C-alpha atoms as a PDB file:
ATOM      1  CA  UNK A   1      89.307 287.953  80.907  1.00  0.00           C
ATOM      2  CA  UNK A   2      87.944 290.645  78.619  1.00  0.00           C
ATOM      3  CA  UNK A   3      84.899 289.671  76.496  1.00  0.00           C
ATOM      4  CA  UNK A   4      86.812 290.086  73.227  1.00  0.00           C
ATOM      5  CA  UNK A   5      89.544 287.785  74.514  1.00  0.00           C
ATOM      6  CA  UNK A   6      86.954 285.259  75.657  1.00  0.00           C
ATOM      7  CA  UNK A   7      85.349 285.202  72.219  1.00  0.00           C
ATOM      8  CA  UNK A   8      88.708 284.796  70.546  1.00  0.00           C
ATOM      9  CA  UNK A   9      89.619 281.916  72.838  1.00  0.00           C
ATOM     10  CA  UNK A  10      86.305 280.193  72.233  1.00  0.00           C
ATOM     11  CA  UNK A  11      86.597 280.619  68.472  1.00  0.00           C
ATOM     12  CA  UNK A  12      90.088 279.144  68.541  1.00  0.00           C
ATOM     13  CA  UNK A  13      88.874 276.235  70.628  1.00  0.00           C
ATOM     14  CA  UNK A  14      85.939 275.491  68.386  1.00  0.00           C
ATOM     15  CA  UNK A  15      88.163 275.669  65.308  1.00  0.00           C
ATOM     16  CA  UNK A  16      90.493 273.106  66.819  1.00  0.00           C
ATOM     17  CA  UNK A  17      87.902 270.339  67.043  1.00  0.00           C
ATOM     18  CA  UNK A  18      88.757 267.993  64.202  1.00  0.00           C
ATOM     19  CA  UNK A  19      88.073 264.535  65.588  1.00  0.00           C
ATOM     20  CA  UNK A  20      85.701 262.333  63.516  1.00  0.00           C
ATOM     21  CA  UNK A  21      83.308 262.062  66.485  1.00  0.00           C
ATOM     22  CA  UNK A  22      82.890 265.817  66.739  1.00  0.00           C
ATOM     23  CA  UNK A  23      83.132 266.795  63.115  1.00  0.00           C
ATOM     24  CA  UNK A  24      81.317 264.094  61.186  1.00  0.00           C
ATOM     25  CA  UNK A  25      82.935 263.050  57.878  1.00  0.00           C
ATOM     26  CA  UNK A  26      86.598 263.826  57.368  1.00  0.00           C
ATOM     27  CA  UNK A  27      85.900 266.218  54.495  1.00  0.00           C
ATOM     28  CA  UNK A  28      83.687 268.390  56.731  1.00  0.00           C
ATOM     29  CA  UNK A  29      86.470 270.581  58.058  1.00  0.00           C
ATOM     30  CA  UNK A  30      87.305 274.215  58.626  1.00  0.00           C
ATOM     31  CA  UNK A  31      89.821 274.440  55.802  1.00  0.00           C
ATOM     32  CA  UNK A  32      87.297 274.080  52.991  1.00  0.00           C
ATOM     33  CA  UNK A  33      84.650 276.574  51.931  1.00  0.00           C
ATOM     34  CA  UNK A  34      81.188 275.006  51.822  1.00  0.00           C
ATOM     35  CA  UNK A  35      78.912 277.746  50.520  1.00  0.00           C
ATOM     36  CA  UNK A  36      75.280 277.972  51.593  1.00  0.00           C
ATOM     37  CA  UNK A  37      74.922 281.346  49.837  1.00  0.00           C
ATOM     38  CA  UNK A  38      77.060 284.278  48.755  1.00  0.00           C
ATOM     39  CA  UNK A  39      77.399 285.372  52.399  1.00  0.00           C
ATOM     40  CA  UNK A  40      77.215 282.153  54.458  1.00  0.00           C
ATOM     41  CA  UNK A  41      79.335 279.004  54.478  1.00  0.00           C
ATOM     42  CA  UNK A  42      79.182 275.859  56.601  1.00  0.00           C
ATOM     43  CA  UNK A  43      82.484 274.678  58.038  1.00  0.00           C
ATOM     44  CA  UNK A  44      81.160 271.478  59.559  1.00  0.00           C
ATOM     45  CA  UNK A  45      78.541 269.955  61.801  1.00  0.00           C
ATOM     46  CA  UNK A  46      78.709 267.830  64.945  1.00  0.00           C
ATOM     47  CA  UNK A  47      76.345 265.150  66.260  1.00  0.00           C
ATOM     48  CA  UNK A  48      78.590 264.497  69.279  1.00  0.00           C
ATOM     49  CA  UNK A  49      75.864 265.401  71.809  1.00  0.00           C
ATOM     50  CA  UNK A  50      73.042 263.464  70.194  1.00  0.00           C
ATOM     51  CA  UNK A  51      71.214 261.125  72.600  1.00  0.00           C
ATOM     52  CA  UNK A  52      73.831 261.467  75.332  1.00  0.00           C
ATOM     53  CA  UNK A  53      73.525 262.053  79.062  1.00  0.00           C
ATOM     54  CA  UNK A  54      75.571 263.938  81.632  1.00  0.00           C
ATOM     55  CA  UNK A  55      75.420 263.049  85.316  1.00  0.00           C
ATOM     56  CA  UNK A  56      72.026 261.451  84.765  1.00  0.00           C
ATOM     57  CA  UNK A  57      70.595 264.395  82.800  1.00  0.00           C
ATOM     58  CA  UNK A  58      69.618 263.988  79.159  1.00  0.00           C
ATOM     59  CA  UNK A  59      71.724 266.244  76.950  1.00  0.00           C
ATOM     60  CA  UNK A  60      69.196 267.358  74.369  1.00  0.00           C
ATOM     61  CA  UNK A  61      66.164 269.597  73.919  1.00  0.00           C
ATOM     62  CA  UNK A  62      68.728 272.370  73.301  1.00  0.00           C
ATOM     63  CA  UNK A  63      67.093 275.675  72.424  1.00  0.00           C
ATOM     64  CA  UNK A  64      69.735 278.359  73.035  1.00  0.00           C
ATOM     65  CA  UNK A  65      73.499 278.903  73.138  1.00  0.00           C
ATOM     66  CA  UNK A  66      75.776 281.555  74.637  1.00  0.00           C
ATOM     67  CA  UNK A  67      79.461 282.214  75.206  1.00  0.00           C
ATOM     68  CA  UNK A  68      80.221 282.292  78.933  1.00  0.00           C
ATOM     69  CA  UNK A  69      82.656 284.667  80.594  1.00  0.00           C
ATOM     70  CA  UNK A  70      85.265 281.913  81.074  1.00  0.00           C
ATOM     71  CA  UNK A  71      85.232 280.951  77.396  1.00  0.00           C
ATOM     72  CA  UNK A  72      83.062 277.861  77.839  1.00  0.00           C
ATOM     73  CA  UNK A  73      79.875 277.349  75.881  1.00  0.00           C
ATOM     74  CA  UNK A  74      76.491 277.472  77.629  1.00  0.00           C
ATOM     75  CA  UNK A  75      73.701 275.352  76.136  1.00  0.00           C
ATOM     76  CA  UNK A  76      70.141 275.763  77.399  1.00  0.00           C
ATOM     77  CA  UNK A  77      67.650 272.909  77.295  1.00  0.00           C
ATOM     78  CA  UNK A  78      63.971 273.793  77.156  1.00  0.00           C
ATOM     79  CA  UNK A  79      63.332 271.399  80.023  1.00  0.00           C
ATOM     80  CA  UNK A  80      64.993 273.477  82.722  1.00  0.00           C
ATOM     81  CA  UNK A  81      68.654 272.479  82.347  1.00  0.00           C
ATOM     82  CA  UNK A  82      71.633 274.704  81.570  1.00  0.00           C
ATOM     83  CA  UNK A  83      74.766 272.846  80.454  1.00  0.00           C
ATOM     84  CA  UNK A  84      78.375 274.007  80.375  1.00  0.00           C
ATOM     85  CA  UNK A  85      80.231 272.601  77.350  1.00  0.00           C
ATOM     86  CA  UNK A  86      83.938 272.416  76.664  1.00  0.00           C
ATOM     87  CA  UNK A  87      84.565 274.753  73.677  1.00  0.00           C
ATOM     88  CA  UNK A  88      87.074 272.338  72.119  1.00  0.00           C
ATOM     89  CA  UNK A  89      85.385 268.962  72.480  1.00  0.00           C
ATOM     90  CA  UNK A  90      81.764 270.068  73.108  1.00  0.00           C
ATOM     91  CA  UNK A  91      81.735 267.613  76.018  1.00  0.00           C
ATOM     92  CA  UNK A  92      79.414 268.596  78.904  1.00  0.00           C
ATOM     93  CA  UNK A  93      81.308 269.713  82.014  1.00  0.00           C
ATOM     94  CA  UNK A  94      78.449 270.828  84.214  1.00  0.00           C
ATOM     95  CA  UNK A  95      74.680 271.079  84.471  1.00  0.00           C
ATOM     96  CA  UNK A  96      72.450 273.378  86.512  1.00  0.00           C
ATOM     97  CA  UNK A  97      68.742 272.847  87.014  1.00  0.00           C
ATOM     98  CA  UNK A  98      66.559 275.923  86.606  1.00  0.00           C
ATOM     99  CA  UNK A  99      63.140 276.464  88.144  1.00  0.00           C
ATOM    100  CA  UNK A 100      60.571 279.176  88.668  1.00  0.00           C
ATOM    101  CA  UNK A 101      59.758 280.810  92.011  1.00  0.00           C
ATOM    102  CA  UNK A 102      57.658 277.801  93.045  1.00  0.00           C
ATOM    103  CA  UNK A 103      60.288 275.252  92.053  1.00  0.00           C
ATOM    104  CA  UNK A 104      58.481 274.220  88.874  1.00  0.00           C
ATOM    105  CA  UNK A 105      60.246 273.552  85.587  1.00  0.00           C
ATOM    106  CA  UNK A 106      60.513 276.234  82.913  1.00  0.00           C
ATOM    107  CA  UNK A 107      59.918 276.020  79.202  1.00  0.00           C
ATOM    108  CA  UNK A 108      63.344 277.658  78.885  1.00  0.00           C
ATOM    109  CA  UNK A 109      63.939 278.758  75.300  1.00  0.00           C
ATOM    110  CA  UNK A 110      66.264 281.778  75.341  1.00  0.00           C
ATOM    111  CA  UNK A 111      69.574 282.665  76.971  1.00  0.00           C
ATOM    112  CA  UNK A 112      71.860 285.656  77.527  1.00  0.00           C
ATOM    113  CA  UNK A 113      74.913 285.753  79.793  1.00  0.00           C
ATOM    114  CA  UNK A 114      75.299 289.263  81.187  1.00  0.00           C
ATOM    115  CA  UNK A 115      78.586 291.096  81.797  1.00  0.00           C
ATOM    116  CA  UNK A 116      78.645 289.954  85.438  1.00  0.00           C
ATOM    117  CA  UNK A 117      77.938 286.309  84.617  1.00  0.00           C
ATOM    118  CA  UNK A 118      74.236 286.541  85.454  1.00  0.00           C
ATOM    119  CA  UNK A 119      72.092 284.237  83.342  1.00  0.00           C
ATOM    120  CA  UNK A 120      69.040 285.821  81.700  1.00  0.00           C
ATOM    121  CA  UNK A 121      66.611 283.036  80.838  1.00  0.00           C
ATOM    122  CA  UNK A 122      63.553 283.440  78.648  1.00  0.00           C
ATOM    123  CA  UNK A 123      60.652 281.060  79.178  1.00  0.00           C
ATOM    124  CA  UNK A 124      57.674 280.868  76.842  1.00  0.00           C
ATOM    125  CA  UNK A 125      55.341 279.616  79.560  1.00  0.00           C
ATOM    126  CA  UNK A 126      54.030 283.005  80.735  1.00  0.00           C
ATOM    127  CA  UNK A 127      56.262 284.312  79.017  1.00  0.00           C
ATOM    128  CA  UNK A 128      59.035 285.539  81.306  1.00  0.00           C
ATOM    129  CA  UNK A 129      62.641 286.665  81.490  1.00  0.00           C
ATOM    130  CA  UNK A 130      64.286 285.756  84.792  1.00  0.00           C
ATOM    131  CA  UNK A 131      67.765 286.485  86.125  1.00  0.00           C
ATOM    132  CA  UNK A 132      69.703 283.578  87.628  1.00  0.00           C
ATOM    133  CA  UNK A 133      73.039 283.192  89.371  1.00  0.00           C
ATOM    134  CA  UNK A 134      75.596 280.702  88.054  1.00  0.00           C
ATOM    135  CA  UNK A 135      74.301 278.083  90.488  1.00  0.00           C
ATOM    136  CA  UNK A 136      70.678 278.519  89.434  1.00  0.00           C
ATOM    137  CA  UNK A 137      69.304 280.851  92.113  1.00  0.00           C
ATOM    138  CA  UNK A 138      66.635 283.317  90.965  1.00  0.00           C
ATOM    139  CA  UNK A 139      67.862 286.907  91.303  1.00  0.00           C
ATOM    140  CA  UNK A 140      64.925 288.736  89.783  1.00  0.00           C
ATOM    141  CA  UNK A 141      62.428 288.961  86.980  1.00  0.00           C
ATOM    142  CA  UNK A 142      61.907 291.490  84.200  1.00  0.00           C
ATOM    143  CA  UNK A 143      58.525 293.130  83.509  1.00  0.00           C
ATOM    144  CA  UNK A 144      56.598 291.883  80.452  1.00  0.00           C
ATOM    145  CA  UNK A 145      53.893 293.917  78.659  1.00  0.00           C
ATOM    146  CA  UNK A 146      50.422 292.493  79.231  1.00  0.00           C
ATOM    147  CA  UNK A 147      49.594 291.945  75.511  1.00  0.00           C
ATOM    148  CA  UNK A 148      52.602 289.592  75.177  1.00  0.00           C
ATOM    149  CA  UNK A 149      51.356 287.310  77.942  1.00  0.00           C
ATOM    150  CA  UNK A 150      49.660 284.028  77.120  1.00  0.00           C
ATOM    151  CA  UNK A 151      45.860 284.244  76.885  1.00  0.00           C
ATOM    152  CA  UNK A 152      43.710 284.863  78.859  1.00  0.00           C
ATOM    153  CA  UNK A 153      46.186 287.111  80.697  1.00  0.00           C
ATOM    154  CA  UNK A 154      47.267 288.563  77.345  1.00  0.00           C
ATOM    155  CA  UNK A 155      46.972 287.966  73.613  1.00  0.00           C
ATOM    156  CA  UNK A 156      49.767 285.498  72.971  1.00  0.00           C
ATOM    157  CA  UNK A 157      49.383 281.827  72.094  1.00  0.00           C
ATOM    158  CA  UNK A 158      50.924 279.195  74.359  1.00  0.00           C
ATOM    159  CA  UNK A 159      54.336 278.004  73.124  1.00  0.00           C
ATOM    160  CA  UNK A 160      54.545 280.914  70.680  1.00  0.00           C
ATOM    161  CA  UNK A 161      56.133 283.555  72.915  1.00  0.00           C
ATOM    162  CA  UNK A 162      59.767 284.340  73.834  1.00  0.00           C
ATOM    163  CA  UNK A 163      62.032 282.175  71.654  1.00  0.00           C
ATOM    164  CA  UNK A 164      65.007 284.485  71.205  1.00  0.00           C
ATOM    165  CA  UNK A 165      66.976 286.728  73.546  1.00  0.00           C
ATOM    166  CA  UNK A 166      70.052 288.860  72.898  1.00  0.00           C
ATOM    167  CA  UNK A 167      72.028 291.690  74.467  1.00  0.00           C
ATOM    168  CA  UNK A 168      72.869 294.509  72.072  1.00  0.00           C
ATOM    169  CA  UNK A 169      76.405 295.958  71.875  1.00  0.00           C
ATOM    170  CA  UNK A 170      77.209 298.081  74.914  1.00  0.00           C
ATOM    171  CA  UNK A 171      75.189 295.806  77.190  1.00  0.00           C
ATOM    172  CA  UNK A 172      72.417 298.306  77.961  1.00  0.00           C
ATOM    173  CA  UNK A 173      69.637 296.977  75.715  1.00  0.00           C
ATOM    174  CA  UNK A 174      68.132 293.502  75.950  1.00  0.00           C
ATOM    175  CA  UNK A 175      65.904 292.262  73.128  1.00  0.00           C
ATOM    176  CA  UNK A 176      63.477 289.332  73.134  1.00  0.00           C
ATOM    177  CA  UNK A 177      61.716 287.927  70.077  1.00  0.00           C
ATOM    178  CA  UNK A 178      58.257 286.424  70.123  1.00  0.00           C
ATOM    179  CA  UNK A 179      57.986 283.269  68.031  1.00  0.00           C
ATOM    180  CA  UNK A 180      54.676 284.146  66.381  1.00  0.00           C
ATOM    181  CA  UNK A 181      52.093 286.909  66.171  1.00  0.00           C
ATOM    182  CA  UNK A 182      49.801 287.781  69.060  1.00  0.00           C
ATOM    183  CA  UNK A 183      46.041 287.893  68.556  1.00  0.00           C
ATOM    184  CA  UNK A 184      44.969 291.018  66.664  1.00  0.00           C
ATOM    185  CA  UNK A 185      48.260 291.393  64.775  1.00  0.00           C
ATOM    186  CA  UNK A 186      48.702 290.368  61.150  1.00  0.00           C
ATOM    187  CA  UNK A 187      49.791 286.772  60.608  1.00  0.00           C
ATOM    188  CA  UNK A 188      53.558 286.513  60.684  1.00  0.00           C
ATOM    189  CA  UNK A 189      54.042 289.902  62.368  1.00  0.00           C
ATOM    190  CA  UNK A 190      56.278 289.132  65.331  1.00  0.00           C
ATOM    191  CA  UNK A 191      56.904 291.611  68.141  1.00  0.00           C
ATOM    192  CA  UNK A 192      60.450 292.279  69.337  1.00  0.00           C
ATOM    193  CA  UNK A 193      60.457 293.604  72.906  1.00  0.00           C
ATOM    194  CA  UNK A 194      63.373 295.543  74.392  1.00  0.00           C
ATOM    195  CA  UNK A 195      64.443 296.558  77.884  1.00  0.00           C
ATOM    196  CA  UNK A 196      66.957 299.323  78.726  1.00  0.00           C
ATOM    197  CA  UNK A 197      69.071 299.946  81.805  1.00  0.00           C
ATOM    198  CA  UNK A 198      71.173 302.817  83.061  1.00  0.00           C
ATOM    199  CA  UNK A 199      74.589 301.861  84.382  1.00  0.00           C
ATOM    200  CA  UNK A 200      74.248 298.677  86.409  1.00  0.00           C
ATOM    201  CA  UNK A 201      70.615 299.351  87.279  1.00  0.00           C
ATOM    202  CA  UNK A 202      67.656 297.078  86.489  1.00  0.00           C
ATOM    203  CA  UNK A 203      66.277 296.531  83.009  1.00  0.00           C
ATOM    204  CA  UNK A 204      63.126 298.560  82.328  1.00  0.00           C
ATOM    205  CA  UNK A 205      60.615 298.168  79.511  1.00  0.00           C
ATOM    206  CA  UNK A 206      61.613 300.101  76.407  1.00  0.00           C
ATOM    207  CA  UNK A 207      60.797 300.156  72.697  1.00  0.00           C
ATOM    208  CA  UNK A 208      59.043 297.398  70.806  1.00  0.00           C
ATOM    209  CA  UNK A 209      59.289 296.632  67.096  1.00  0.00           C
ATOM    210  CA  UNK A 210      57.412 294.694  64.426  1.00  0.00           C
ATOM    211  CA  UNK A 211      59.257 291.998  62.474  1.00  0.00           C
ATOM    212  CA  UNK A 212      57.593 290.198  59.562  1.00  0.00           C
ATOM    213  CA  UNK A 213      58.497 286.534  59.292  1.00  0.00           C
ATOM    214  CA  UNK A 214      58.114 284.603  56.051  1.00  0.00           C
ATOM    215  CA  UNK A 215      54.809 282.843  55.418  1.00  0.00           C
ATOM    216  CA  UNK A 216      54.488 279.751  57.573  1.00  0.00           C
ATOM    217  CA  UNK A 217      57.623 280.478  59.597  1.00  0.00           C
ATOM    218  CA  UNK A 218      58.229 281.805  63.097  1.00  0.00           C
ATOM    219  CA  UNK A 219      61.251 283.330  64.796  1.00  0.00           C
ATOM    220  CA  UNK A 220      63.293 280.725  66.661  1.00  0.00           C
ATOM    221  CA  UNK A 221      66.299 282.856  67.655  1.00  0.00           C
ATOM    222  CA  UNK A 222      67.883 286.322  67.450  1.00  0.00           C
ATOM    223  CA  UNK A 223      71.498 287.295  67.996  1.00  0.00           C
ATOM    224  CA  UNK A 224      73.020 290.776  67.948  1.00  0.00           C
ATOM    225  CA  UNK A 225      75.921 291.502  65.628  1.00  0.00           C
ATOM    226  CA  UNK A 226      78.797 293.773  66.743  1.00  0.00           C
ATOM    227  CA  UNK A 227      77.301 296.737  64.831  1.00  0.00           C
ATOM    228  CA  UNK A 228      73.863 296.507  66.468  1.00  0.00           C
ATOM    229  CA  UNK A 229      72.001 294.630  63.776  1.00  0.00           C
ATOM    230  CA  UNK A 230      70.405 291.230  64.335  1.00  0.00           C
ATOM    231  CA  UNK A 231      70.882 287.744  62.978  1.00  0.00           C
ATOM    232  CA  UNK A 232      67.404 286.216  62.904  1.00  0.00           C
ATOM    233  CA  UNK A 233      66.583 282.540  62.508  1.00  0.00           C
ATOM    234  CA  UNK A 234      63.194 281.767  61.026  1.00  0.00           C
ATOM    235  CA  UNK A 235      61.938 278.206  61.258  1.00  0.00           C
ATOM    236  CA  UNK A 236      58.973 276.064  60.306  1.00  0.00           C
ATOM    237  CA  UNK A 237      58.047 272.391  59.967  1.00  0.00           C
ATOM    238  CA  UNK A 238      55.857 270.575  57.454  1.00  0.00           C
ATOM    239  CA  UNK A 239      54.988 266.933  58.252  1.00  0.00           C
ATOM    240  CA  UNK A 240      56.265 264.599  55.562  1.00  0.00           C
ATOM    241  CA  UNK A 241      58.500 267.335  54.130  1.00  0.00           C
ATOM    242  CA  UNK A 242      60.653 268.496  57.021  1.00  0.00           C
ATOM    243  CA  UNK A 243      62.097 271.723  58.369  1.00  0.00           C
ATOM    244  CA  UNK A 244      62.574 275.115  56.776  1.00  0.00           C
ATOM    245  CA  UNK A 245      65.296 277.207  58.409  1.00  0.00           C
ATOM    246  CA  UNK A 246      66.360 280.598  57.042  1.00  0.00           C
ATOM    247  CA  UNK A 247      68.906 283.086  58.319  1.00  0.00           C
ATOM    248  CA  UNK A 248      68.291 286.837  57.939  1.00  0.00           C
ATOM    249  CA  UNK A 249      70.139 290.019  58.789  1.00  0.00           C
ATOM    250  CA  UNK A 250      67.746 292.536  60.356  1.00  0.00           C
ATOM    251  CA  UNK A 251      68.113 296.177  61.334  1.00  0.00           C
ATOM    252  CA  UNK A 252      65.763 297.547  64.025  1.00  0.00           C
ATOM    253  CA  UNK A 253      67.390 300.971  64.226  1.00  0.00           C
ATOM    254  CA  UNK A 254      64.891 302.789  61.984  1.00  0.00           C
ATOM    255  CA  UNK A 255      61.797 300.738  62.801  1.00  0.00           C
ATOM    256  CA  UNK A 256      58.680 302.218  64.423  1.00  0.00           C
ATOM    257  CA  UNK A 257      58.300 301.808  68.164  1.00  0.00           C
ATOM    258  CA  UNK A 258      55.095 299.730  68.351  1.00  0.00           C
ATOM    259  CA  UNK A 259      54.838 299.566  72.153  1.00  0.00           C
ATOM    260  CA  UNK A 260      51.916 302.018  72.058  1.00  0.00           C
ATOM    261  CA  UNK A 261      50.156 300.408  69.084  1.00  0.00           C
ATOM    262  CA  UNK A 262      47.738 297.748  70.332  1.00  0.00           C
ATOM    263  CA  UNK A 263      47.013 296.063  66.986  1.00  0.00           C
ATOM    264  CA  UNK A 264      49.391 295.678  64.047  1.00  0.00           C
ATOM    265  CA  UNK A 265      46.871 294.990  61.331  1.00  0.00           C
ATOM    266  CA  UNK A 266      46.694 297.457  58.470  1.00  0.00           C
ATOM    267  CA  UNK A 267      48.341 300.210  60.500  1.00  0.00           C
ATOM    268  CA  UNK A 268      49.592 302.934  58.142  1.00  0.00           C
ATOM    269  CA  UNK A 269      52.979 304.455  58.783  1.00  0.00           C
ATOM    270  CA  UNK A 270      54.378 301.539  60.813  1.00  0.00           C
ATOM    271  CA  UNK A 271      57.904 300.753  59.649  1.00  0.00           C
ATOM    272  CA  UNK A 272      58.775 297.145  60.474  1.00  0.00           C
ATOM    273  CA  UNK A 273      62.296 295.953  61.105  1.00  0.00           C
ATOM    274  CA  UNK A 274      64.087 295.745  57.777  1.00  0.00           C
ATOM    275  CA  UNK A 275      65.517 292.340  56.923  1.00  0.00           C
ATOM    276  CA  UNK A 276      67.728 290.893  54.198  1.00  0.00           C
ATOM    277  CA  UNK A 277      68.222 287.195  53.430  1.00  0.00           C
ATOM    278  CA  UNK A 278      71.561 285.622  54.265  1.00  0.00           C
ATOM    279  CA  UNK A 279      70.948 281.924  53.619  1.00  0.00           C
ATOM    280  CA  UNK A 280      68.418 279.124  53.478  1.00  0.00           C
ATOM    281  CA  UNK A 281      70.074 276.332  55.476  1.00  0.00           C
ATOM    282  CA  UNK A 282      68.595 273.803  53.038  1.00  0.00           C
ATOM    283  CA  UNK A 283      71.021 275.215  50.453  1.00  0.00           C
ATOM    284  CA  UNK A 284      74.071 274.311  52.558  1.00  0.00           C
ATOM    285  CA  UNK A 285      76.070 271.239  51.527  1.00  0.00           C
ATOM    286  CA  UNK A 286      74.943 268.176  53.482  1.00  0.00           C
ATOM    287  CA  UNK A 287      78.566 267.129  54.233  1.00  0.00           C
ATOM    288  CA  UNK A 288      77.440 263.539  54.670  1.00  0.00           C
ATOM    289  CA  UNK A 289      74.763 264.298  57.260  1.00  0.00           C
ATOM    290  CA  UNK A 290      71.895 261.875  57.678  1.00  0.00           C
ATOM    291  CA  UNK A 291      68.316 262.506  58.811  1.00  0.00           C
ATOM    292  CA  UNK A 292      65.938 260.183  60.647  1.00  0.00           C
ATOM    293  CA  UNK A 293      62.864 261.755  59.088  1.00  0.00           C
ATOM    294  CA  UNK A 294      62.095 263.374  55.714  1.00  0.00           C
ATOM    295  CA  UNK A 295      64.032 266.620  55.178  1.00  0.00           C
ATOM    296  CA  UNK A 296      64.653 268.823  52.117  1.00  0.00           C
ATOM    297  CA  UNK A 297      68.341 268.422  53.028  1.00  0.00           C
ATOM    298  CA  UNK A 298      69.486 265.672  55.449  1.00  0.00           C
ATOM    299  CA  UNK A 299      71.571 268.309  57.224  1.00  0.00           C
ATOM    300  CA  UNK A 300      68.413 269.975  58.513  1.00  0.00           C
ATOM    301  CA  UNK A 301      66.699 269.452  61.815  1.00  0.00           C
ATOM    302  CA  UNK A 302      64.730 271.575  64.281  1.00  0.00           C
ATOM    303  CA  UNK A 303      67.292 274.415  64.577  1.00  0.00           C
ATOM    304  CA  UNK A 304      66.472 276.678  67.523  1.00  0.00           C
ATOM    305  CA  UNK A 305      69.657 278.078  69.082  1.00  0.00           C
ATOM    306  CA  UNK A 306      72.347 280.450  67.809  1.00  0.00           C
ATOM    307  CA  UNK A 307      75.318 282.402  69.136  1.00  0.00           C
ATOM    308  CA  UNK A 308      78.178 284.420  67.679  1.00  0.00           C
ATOM    309  CA  UNK A 309      81.506 282.981  68.885  1.00  0.00           C
ATOM    310  CA  UNK A 310      83.905 285.465  67.253  1.00  0.00           C
ATOM    311  CA  UNK A 311      85.356 286.444  63.863  1.00  0.00           C
ATOM    312  CA  UNK A 312      87.679 284.683  61.466  1.00  0.00           C
ATOM    313  CA  UNK A 313      90.757 286.204  59.838  1.00  0.00           C
ATOM    314  CA  UNK A 314      88.635 287.687  57.034  1.00  0.00           C
ATOM    315  CA  UNK A 315      86.238 289.472  59.370  1.00  0.00           C
ATOM    316  CA  UNK A 316      83.390 287.018  58.961  1.00  0.00           C
ATOM    317  CA  UNK A 317      81.324 286.128  62.007  1.00  0.00           C
ATOM    318  CA  UNK A 318      81.680 282.637  63.377  1.00  0.00           C
ATOM    319  CA  UNK A 319      78.140 281.556  64.156  1.00  0.00           C
ATOM    320  CA  UNK A 320      77.138 278.384  65.967  1.00  0.00           C
ATOM    321  CA  UNK A 321      73.650 276.876  65.611  1.00  0.00           C
ATOM    322  CA  UNK A 322      72.045 273.995  67.497  1.00  0.00           C
ATOM    323  CA  UNK A 323      68.961 271.882  66.856  1.00  0.00           C
ATOM    324  CA  UNK A 324      66.404 270.840  69.460  1.00  0.00           C
ATOM    325  CA  UNK A 325      65.740 267.090  69.188  1.00  0.00           C
ATOM    326  CA  UNK A 326      62.695 267.266  71.489  1.00  0.00           C
ATOM    327  CA  UNK A 327      64.042 264.031  73.043  1.00  0.00           C
ATOM    328  CA  UNK A 328      62.565 262.353  69.973  1.00  0.00           C
ATOM    329  CA  UNK A 329      64.286 259.325  68.369  1.00  0.00           C
ATOM    330  CA  UNK A 330      63.368 260.707  64.926  1.00  0.00           C
ATOM    331  CA  UNK A 331      65.277 263.957  65.538  1.00  0.00           C
ATOM    332  CA  UNK A 332      68.926 264.850  66.111  1.00  0.00           C
ATOM    333  CA  UNK A 333      70.834 267.174  68.439  1.00  0.00           C
ATOM    334  CA  UNK A 334      73.210 268.767  65.914  1.00  0.00           C
ATOM    335  CA  UNK A 335      75.595 271.716  66.067  1.00  0.00           C
ATOM    336  CA  UNK A 336      76.352 273.722  62.914  1.00  0.00           C
ATOM    337  CA  UNK A 337      79.494 275.814  62.499  1.00  0.00           C
ATOM    338  CA  UNK A 338      78.883 278.704  60.102  1.00  0.00           C
ATOM    339  CA  UNK A 339      80.814 281.702  58.830  1.00  0.00           C
ATOM    340  CA  UNK A 340      78.665 284.717  58.007  1.00  0.00           C
ATOM    341  CA  UNK A 341      79.654 287.877  56.160  1.00  0.00           C
ATOM    342  CA  UNK A 342      77.450 290.770  57.246  1.00  0.00           C
END
């Protein structure tokens, strides 16, 4: 099936889920506009996966989403599991364990499904981007610039490396987003690393860009739009207050290539990736959501994953978000169904 047809089928399937279990309160449905901002609306949310298991595996810790070639939804857990979800019911239909070359678990945070069905998995342990087959076999590993490696091998901080991964239109450029700044760069200046390939050849290191996150926030996910721009999720957490999650539209096409610039502190002439706000998720209607810990809006949780599932009849992107519950009883695995005008 062609990718466009797959996306259309998935979007139709997701739109058809109207059961109370999947959709929350009855008024949280696709037929009503629930504005988060002038450009973003929330159709509904689903807690259907919260604190569930599949074939003995905990279904949670979800950090990334992707549309698979067969129209199913892939959901990546940061504890080395990749789930296949039914696009209509969100019910798990399969699970694959992932591991590194020694058989050890990954801190798997980012996911892309390539044109041939290969899974590209970003881990923030080293960090790394590995290629896997559908059944979880390692097929290869992409090079990573030394400065982006975790100290002492590089200048990155543990658990603050590759959080987002996306394939740009055309399928030749892969982009990974660091969660936070590396040592020697200005606070909040996040590096976006790209790889390019020719034809069906391997990905090779390519340009790198600087992205400036809001104060106190890091990048938790990136997703390419059909025109080559990026949806960027920025996220932070304040104990006793809760999560901050903001959605931006970013354009790397005129940014400076920073791959040859060792330190991004007070560097004149460096053009960062331009960004424009789309929505603060705290401004979305709560739609009856509840939270198990303090939140500015009970709808909020630790949102980490995002994918574009298609377009609606008005040309808006259908965007699906997921929160990582960290297998914590005070947090929730929640899926958010957005429409975004870009």
